[in-house]
C-alpha atoms as a PDB file:
ATOM      1  CA  MET A   1      12.370-117.235  33.460  1.00  0.00           C
ATOM      2  CA  SER A   2      15.104-118.272  31.080  1.00  0.00           C
ATOM      3  CA  ALA A   3      18.716-117.249  31.318  1.00  0.00           C
ATOM      4  CA  VAL A   4      20.048-115.082  28.521  1.00  0.00           C
ATOM      5  CA  LEU A   5      23.418-116.187  27.259  1.00  0.00           C
ATOM      6  CA  GLN A   6      25.532-113.445  25.818  1.00  0.00           C
ATOM      7  CA  ALA A   7      28.578-113.885  23.689  1.00  0.00           C
ATOM      8  CA  PRO A   8      31.675-112.163  25.040  1.00  0.00           C
ATOM      9  CA  TRP A   9      32.296-108.812  23.402  1.00  0.00           C
ATOM     10  CA  GLY A  10      35.396-106.751  22.903  1.00  0.00           C
ATOM     11  CA  GLN A  11      39.037-107.637  22.582  1.00  0.00           C
ATOM     12  CA  THR A  12      40.976-108.941  25.551  1.00  0.00           C
ATOM     13  CA  GLU A  13      44.343-109.077  23.794  1.00  0.00           C
ATOM     14  CA  ILE A  14      45.110-105.350  23.757  1.00  0.00           C
ATOM     15  CA  GLU A  15      47.627-104.385  21.103  1.00  0.00           C
ATOM     16  CA  GLY A  16      49.053-100.909  20.612  1.00  0.00           C
ATOM     17  CA  LYS A  17      47.529-100.377  17.155  1.00  0.00           C
ATOM     18  CA  ALA A  18      44.027-101.388  18.268  1.00  0.00           C
ATOM     19  CA  LEU A  19      44.271 -99.224  21.384  1.00  0.00           C
ATOM     20  CA  ARG A  20      45.465 -96.216  19.347  1.00  0.00           C
ATOM     21  CA  GLN A  21      42.544 -96.676  16.921  1.00  0.00           C
ATOM     22  CA  ALA A  22      40.030 -96.898  19.761  1.00  0.00           C
ATOM     23  CA  LEU A  23      41.462 -93.845  21.538  1.00  0.00           C
ATOM     24  CA  GLY A  24      41.438 -91.969  18.219  1.00  0.00           C
ATOM     25  CA  ARG A  25      37.633 -92.078  18.385  1.00  0.00           C
ATOM     26  CA  TYR A  26      37.791 -89.653  21.311  1.00  0.00           C
ATOM     27  CA  PRO A  27      38.282 -86.049  20.165  1.00  0.00           C
ATOM     28  CA  THR A  28      40.715 -83.970  22.190  1.00  0.00           C
ATOM     29  CA  GLY A  29      41.916 -80.427  22.299  1.00  0.00           C
ATOM     30  CA  VAL A  30      45.443 -79.620  21.212  1.00  0.00           C
ATOM     31  CA  ALA A  31      48.008 -77.758  23.288  1.00  0.00           C
ATOM     32  CA  ILE A  32      51.685 -76.918  23.350  1.00  0.00           C
ATOM     33  CA  VAL A  33      53.549 -77.468  26.605  1.00  0.00           C
ATOM     34  CA  THR A  34      56.683 -75.394  27.146  1.00  0.00           C
ATOM     35  CA  THR A  35      59.459 -74.929  29.657  1.00  0.00           C
ATOM     36  CA  ARG A  36      63.121 -73.892  29.844  1.00  0.00           C
ATOM     37  CA  THR A  37      66.148 -76.027  30.523  1.00  0.00           C
ATOM     38  CA  ALA A  38      68.503 -75.113  33.368  1.00  0.00           C
ATOM     39  CA  ASP A  39      70.724 -73.292  30.843  1.00  0.00           C
ATOM     40  CA  GLY A  40      67.779 -71.256  29.535  1.00  0.00           C
ATOM     41  CA  ARG A  41      66.998 -73.085  26.284  1.00  0.00           C
ATOM     42  CA  PRO A  42      63.252 -73.109  25.470  1.00  0.00           C
ATOM     43  CA  VAL A  43      61.646 -76.536  25.040  1.00  0.00           C
ATOM     44  CA  GLY A  44      58.182 -77.196  23.670  1.00  0.00           C
ATOM     45  CA  LEU A  45      56.043 -79.935  22.191  1.00  0.00           C
ATOM     46  CA  THR A  46      52.495 -80.566  21.053  1.00  0.00           C
ATOM     47  CA  ILE A  47      50.272 -82.592  23.376  1.00  0.00           C
ATOM     48  CA  ASN A  48      46.695 -83.794  23.490  1.00  0.00           C
ATOM     49  CA  SER A  49      47.157 -85.620  26.795  1.00  0.00           C
ATOM     50  CA  PHE A  50      46.105 -82.616  28.870  1.00  0.00           C
ATOM     51  CA  ALA A  51      43.345 -82.660  31.497  1.00  0.00           C
ATOM     52  CA  SER A  52      42.011 -80.847  34.513  1.00  0.00           C
ATOM     53  CA  LEU A  53      42.740 -82.741  37.721  1.00  0.00           C
ATOM     54  CA  SER A  54      41.399 -80.493  40.496  1.00  0.00           C
ATOM     55  CA  LEU A  55      39.807 -77.074  40.920  1.00  0.00           C
ATOM     56  CA  ALA A  56      40.831 -76.654  44.561  1.00  0.00           C
ATOM     57  CA  PRO A  57      43.757 -76.641  44.473  1.00  0.00           C
ATOM     58  CA  ALA A  58      44.013 -75.788  40.765  1.00  0.00           C
ATOM     59  CA  LEU A  59      45.825 -78.804  39.295  1.00  0.00           C
ATOM     60  CA  VAL A  60      46.264 -80.050  35.739  1.00  0.00           C
ATOM     61  CA  LEU A  61      48.035 -83.066  34.294  1.00  0.00           C
ATOM     62  CA  TRP A  62      49.623 -84.129  31.054  1.00  0.00           C
ATOM     63  CA  SER A  63      51.842 -86.983  29.948  1.00  0.00           C
ATOM     64  CA  LEU A  64      55.022 -87.478  27.951  1.00  0.00           C
ATOM     65  CA  VAL A  65      56.365 -90.712  26.500  1.00  0.00           C
ATOM     66  CA  ASP A  66      59.339 -91.998  28.495  1.00  0.00           C
ATOM     67  CA  ARG A  67      61.658 -92.072  25.471  1.00  0.00           C
ATOM     68  CA  SER A  68      61.182 -88.370  24.641  1.00  0.00           C
ATOM     69  CA  PRO A  69      64.426 -86.406  24.266  1.00  0.00           C
ATOM     70  CA  ASN A  70      62.631 -83.628  26.208  1.00  0.00           C
ATOM     71  CA  LEU A  71      61.814 -85.750  29.251  1.00  0.00           C
ATOM     72  CA  ALA A  72      64.707 -84.580  31.441  1.00  0.00           C
ATOM     73  CA  ALA A  73      63.971 -80.915  30.684  1.00  0.00           C
ATOM     74  CA  PHE A  74      60.431 -81.235  32.026  1.00  0.00           C
ATOM     75  CA  GLN A  75      61.469 -83.393  34.991  1.00  0.00           C
ATOM     76  CA  GLU A  76      64.019 -80.788  36.077  1.00  0.00           C
ATOM     77  CA  ALA A  77      61.921 -77.692  35.392  1.00  0.00           C
ATOM     78  CA  PRO A  78      60.246 -75.906  38.315  1.00  0.00           C
ATOM     79  CA  HIS A  79      57.540 -74.553  35.964  1.00  0.00           C
ATOM     80  CA  PHE A  80      55.878 -75.382  32.662  1.00  0.00           C
ATOM     81  CA  ALA A  81      53.175 -73.696  30.600  1.00  0.00           C
ATOM     82  CA  ILE A  82      50.317 -75.209  28.643  1.00  0.00           C
ATOM     83  CA  SER A  83      48.969 -73.162  25.738  1.00  0.00           C
ATOM     84  CA  VAL A  84      45.608 -74.436  24.442  1.00  0.00           C
ATOM     85  CA  LEU A  85      45.638 -73.841  20.700  1.00  0.00           C
ATOM     86  CA  ALA A  86      43.055 -72.006  18.619  1.00  0.00           C
ATOM     87  CA  GLN A  87      41.613 -73.439  15.427  1.00  0.00           C
ATOM     88  CA  ASP A  88      43.918 -71.244  13.308  1.00  0.00           C
ATOM     89  CA  GLN A  89      47.084 -72.522  15.043  1.00  0.00           C
ATOM     90  CA  GLN A  90      47.299 -75.924  13.345  1.00  0.00           C
ATOM     91  CA  GLY A  91      50.640 -74.946  11.799  1.00  0.00           C
ATOM     92  CA  LEU A  92      52.080 -74.420  15.291  1.00  0.00           C
ATOM     93  CA  ALA A  93      50.719 -77.778  16.444  1.00  0.00           C
ATOM     94  CA  SER A  94      52.401 -79.504  13.496  1.00  0.00           C
ATOM     95  CA  ARG A  95      55.643 -77.584  14.007  1.00  0.00           C
ATOM     96  CA  PHE A  96      55.936 -78.459  17.707  1.00  0.00           C
ATOM     97  CA  ALA A  97      55.006 -82.112  16.994  1.00  0.00           C
ATOM     98  CA  ASN A  98      57.692 -82.542  14.330  1.00  0.00           C
ATOM     99  CA  PRO A  99      60.953 -83.980  15.716  1.00  0.00           C
ATOM    100  CA  ALA A 100      62.782 -82.866  12.544  1.00  0.00           C
ATOM    101  CA  VAL A 101      62.284 -79.189  13.475  1.00  0.00           C
ATOM    102  CA  THR A 102      65.363 -78.392  15.545  1.00  0.00           C
ATOM    103  CA  ASP A 103      64.372 -74.897  16.734  1.00  0.00           C
ATOM    104  CA  LYS A 104      60.642 -75.069  17.285  1.00  0.00           C
ATOM    105  CA  PHE A 105      60.560 -71.464  18.581  1.00  0.00           C
ATOM    106  CA  ASP A 106      62.228 -69.889  15.514  1.00  0.00           C
ATOM    107  CA  GLN A 107      59.918 -67.128  14.231  1.00  0.00           C
ATOM    108  CA  VAL A 108      57.114 -68.173  16.611  1.00  0.00           C
ATOM    109  CA  ALA A 109      55.380 -65.431  18.585  1.00  0.00           C
ATOM    110  CA  VAL A 110      55.949 -66.181  22.268  1.00  0.00           C
ATOM    111  CA  ARG A 111      55.710 -64.237  25.484  1.00  0.00           C
ATOM    112  CA  GLU A 112      57.856 -64.818  28.549  1.00  0.00           C
ATOM    113  CA  ALA A 113      55.811 -65.524  31.667  1.00  0.00           C
ATOM    114  CA  ALA A 114      57.059 -64.087  34.959  1.00  0.00           C
ATOM    115  CA  GLU A 115      57.905 -67.654  35.990  1.00  0.00           C
ATOM    116  CA  GLY A 116      60.500 -67.832  33.205  1.00  0.00           C
ATOM    117  CA  VAL A 117      58.695 -70.077  30.722  1.00  0.00           C
ATOM    118  CA  PRO A 118      57.730 -69.194  27.152  1.00  0.00           C
ATOM    119  CA  VAL A 119      54.020 -69.175  26.271  1.00  0.00           C
ATOM    120  CA  ILE A 120      52.468 -69.222  22.810  1.00  0.00           C
ATOM    121  CA  GLU A 121      50.898 -65.931  21.699  1.00  0.00           C
ATOM    122  CA  GLY A 122      47.341 -66.196  20.414  1.00  0.00           C
ATOM    123  CA  ALA A 123      46.488 -69.343  22.377  1.00  0.00           C
ATOM    124  CA  LEU A 124      42.892 -69.668  23.592  1.00  0.00           C
ATOM    125  CA  ALA A 125      44.070 -70.387  27.114  1.00  0.00           C
ATOM    126  CA  THR A 126      47.443 -70.447  28.791  1.00  0.00           C
ATOM    127  CA  LEU A 127      48.145 -72.006  32.159  1.00  0.00           C
ATOM    128  CA  VAL A 128      51.507 -71.487  33.809  1.00  0.00           C
ATOM    129  CA  CYS A 129      52.097 -74.237  36.334  1.00  0.00           C
ATOM    130  CA  ARG A 130      54.518 -75.010  39.122  1.00  0.00           C
ATOM    131  CA  THR A 131      55.601 -78.616  38.719  1.00  0.00           C
ATOM    132  CA  SER A 132      53.927 -80.419  41.593  1.00  0.00           C
ATOM    133  CA  LYS A 133      55.071 -83.957  40.814  1.00  0.00           C
ATOM    134  CA  TYR A 134      55.729 -86.422  38.076  1.00  0.00           C
ATOM    135  CA  LEU A 135      55.467 -90.171  38.127  1.00  0.00           C
ATOM    136  CA  THR A 136      56.024 -93.064  35.783  1.00  0.00           C
ATOM    137  CA  GLU A 137      53.029 -95.089  34.642  1.00  0.00           C
ATOM    138  CA  GLY A 138      53.443 -97.562  31.786  1.00  0.00           C
ATOM    139  CA  ASP A 139      55.532 -96.010  29.026  1.00  0.00           C
ATOM    140  CA  HIS A 140      54.751 -92.399  30.022  1.00  0.00           C
ATOM    141  CA  GLU A 141      55.616 -89.826  32.674  1.00  0.00           C
ATOM    142  CA  LEU A 142      52.579 -88.109  34.153  1.00  0.00           C
ATOM    143  CA  PHE A 143      53.217 -84.477  35.060  1.00  0.00           C
ATOM    144  CA  ILE A 144      50.995 -82.739  37.586  1.00  0.00           C
ATOM    145  CA  GLY A 145      51.187 -78.985  37.853  1.00  0.00           C
ATOM    146  CA  GLN A 146      49.598 -76.413  40.123  1.00  0.00           C
ATOM    147  CA  VAL A 147      48.247 -73.516  38.096  1.00  0.00           C
ATOM    148  CA  VAL A 148      49.879 -70.287  39.282  1.00  0.00           C
ATOM    149  CA  ARG A 149      48.902 -67.982  36.396  1.00  0.00           C
ATOM    150  CA  LEU A 150      46.295 -68.175  33.653  1.00  0.00           C
ATOM    151  CA  ASP A 151      44.984 -66.255  30.689  1.00  0.00           C
ATOM    152  CA  ALA A 152      42.060 -67.037  28.366  1.00  0.00           C
ATOM    153  CA  ARG A 153      40.271 -65.501  25.409  1.00  0.00           C
ATOM    154  CA  ALA A 154      37.253 -66.336  23.272  1.00  0.00           C
ATOM    155  CA  GLY A 155      37.694 -68.384  20.117  1.00  0.00           C
ATOM    156  CA  GLU A 156      37.338 -71.784  18.515  1.00  0.00           C
ATOM    157  CA  PRO A 157      39.693 -74.577  19.665  1.00  0.00           C
ATOM    158  CA  LEU A 158      41.889 -76.766  17.525  1.00  0.00           C
ATOM    159  CA  VAL A 159      40.693 -80.371  17.820  1.00  0.00           C
ATOM    160  CA  PHE A 160      42.409 -83.708  17.147  1.00  0.00           C
ATOM    161  CA  HIS A 161      40.273 -86.704  16.173  1.00  0.00           C
ATOM    162  CA  GLY A 162      40.899 -89.881  14.198  1.00  0.00           C
ATOM    163  CA  GLY A 163      44.531 -88.966  13.576  1.00  0.00           C
ATOM    164  CA  ARG A 164      43.690 -85.555  12.072  1.00  0.00           C
ATOM    165  CA  PHE A 165      43.310 -81.957  13.120  1.00  0.00           C
ATOM    166  CA  GLY A 166      39.843 -80.482  12.862  1.00  0.00           C
ATOM    167  CA  ALA A 167      37.368 -78.020  14.274  1.00  0.00           C
ATOM    168  CA  LEU A 168      34.247 -78.198  16.366  1.00  0.00           C
ATOM    169  CA  HIS A 169      30.952 -77.874  14.550  1.00  0.00           C
ATOM    170  CA  MET A 170      28.426 -76.786  17.147  1.00  0.00           C
ATOM    171  CA  ALA A 171      24.750 -77.516  16.527  1.00  0.00           C
ATOM    172  CA  GLY A 172      22.211 -74.876  17.323  1.00  0.00           C
END
């Protein structure tokens, strides 16, 4: 039996641009995470770094770059909400992702959750979470929240893939 020699594959020098391109091959949902500052100002931003962590207890996680001007607001907040966006909410995703928009909530339909955080009206799913913990990993803060309230409706999700917004096209 002869040995099969294989050439090494893949890059071992991982650069930010190459990593971003590779990760862009993985489609994700799009959500807006919201909270309030201690003085009551609403804060929100678009994320696609959202995932389920545990069903029992009900835990979710998301991440925020460590240089975000909103970092302290989320670190200090006892609660945050994640609103999973519908396919027709791309404008909201762009609005909450744009740092040039100073008042992201201006003329946006929101509802106030009992926990004191704004949630986006019309979202496919909304999870209000008690901040369980946050920790620094690399150049991001990971936020873990225990789901204390949820709401969901039928509809098609907004998707992000290859640097663009899109929609799911289900076969069948």
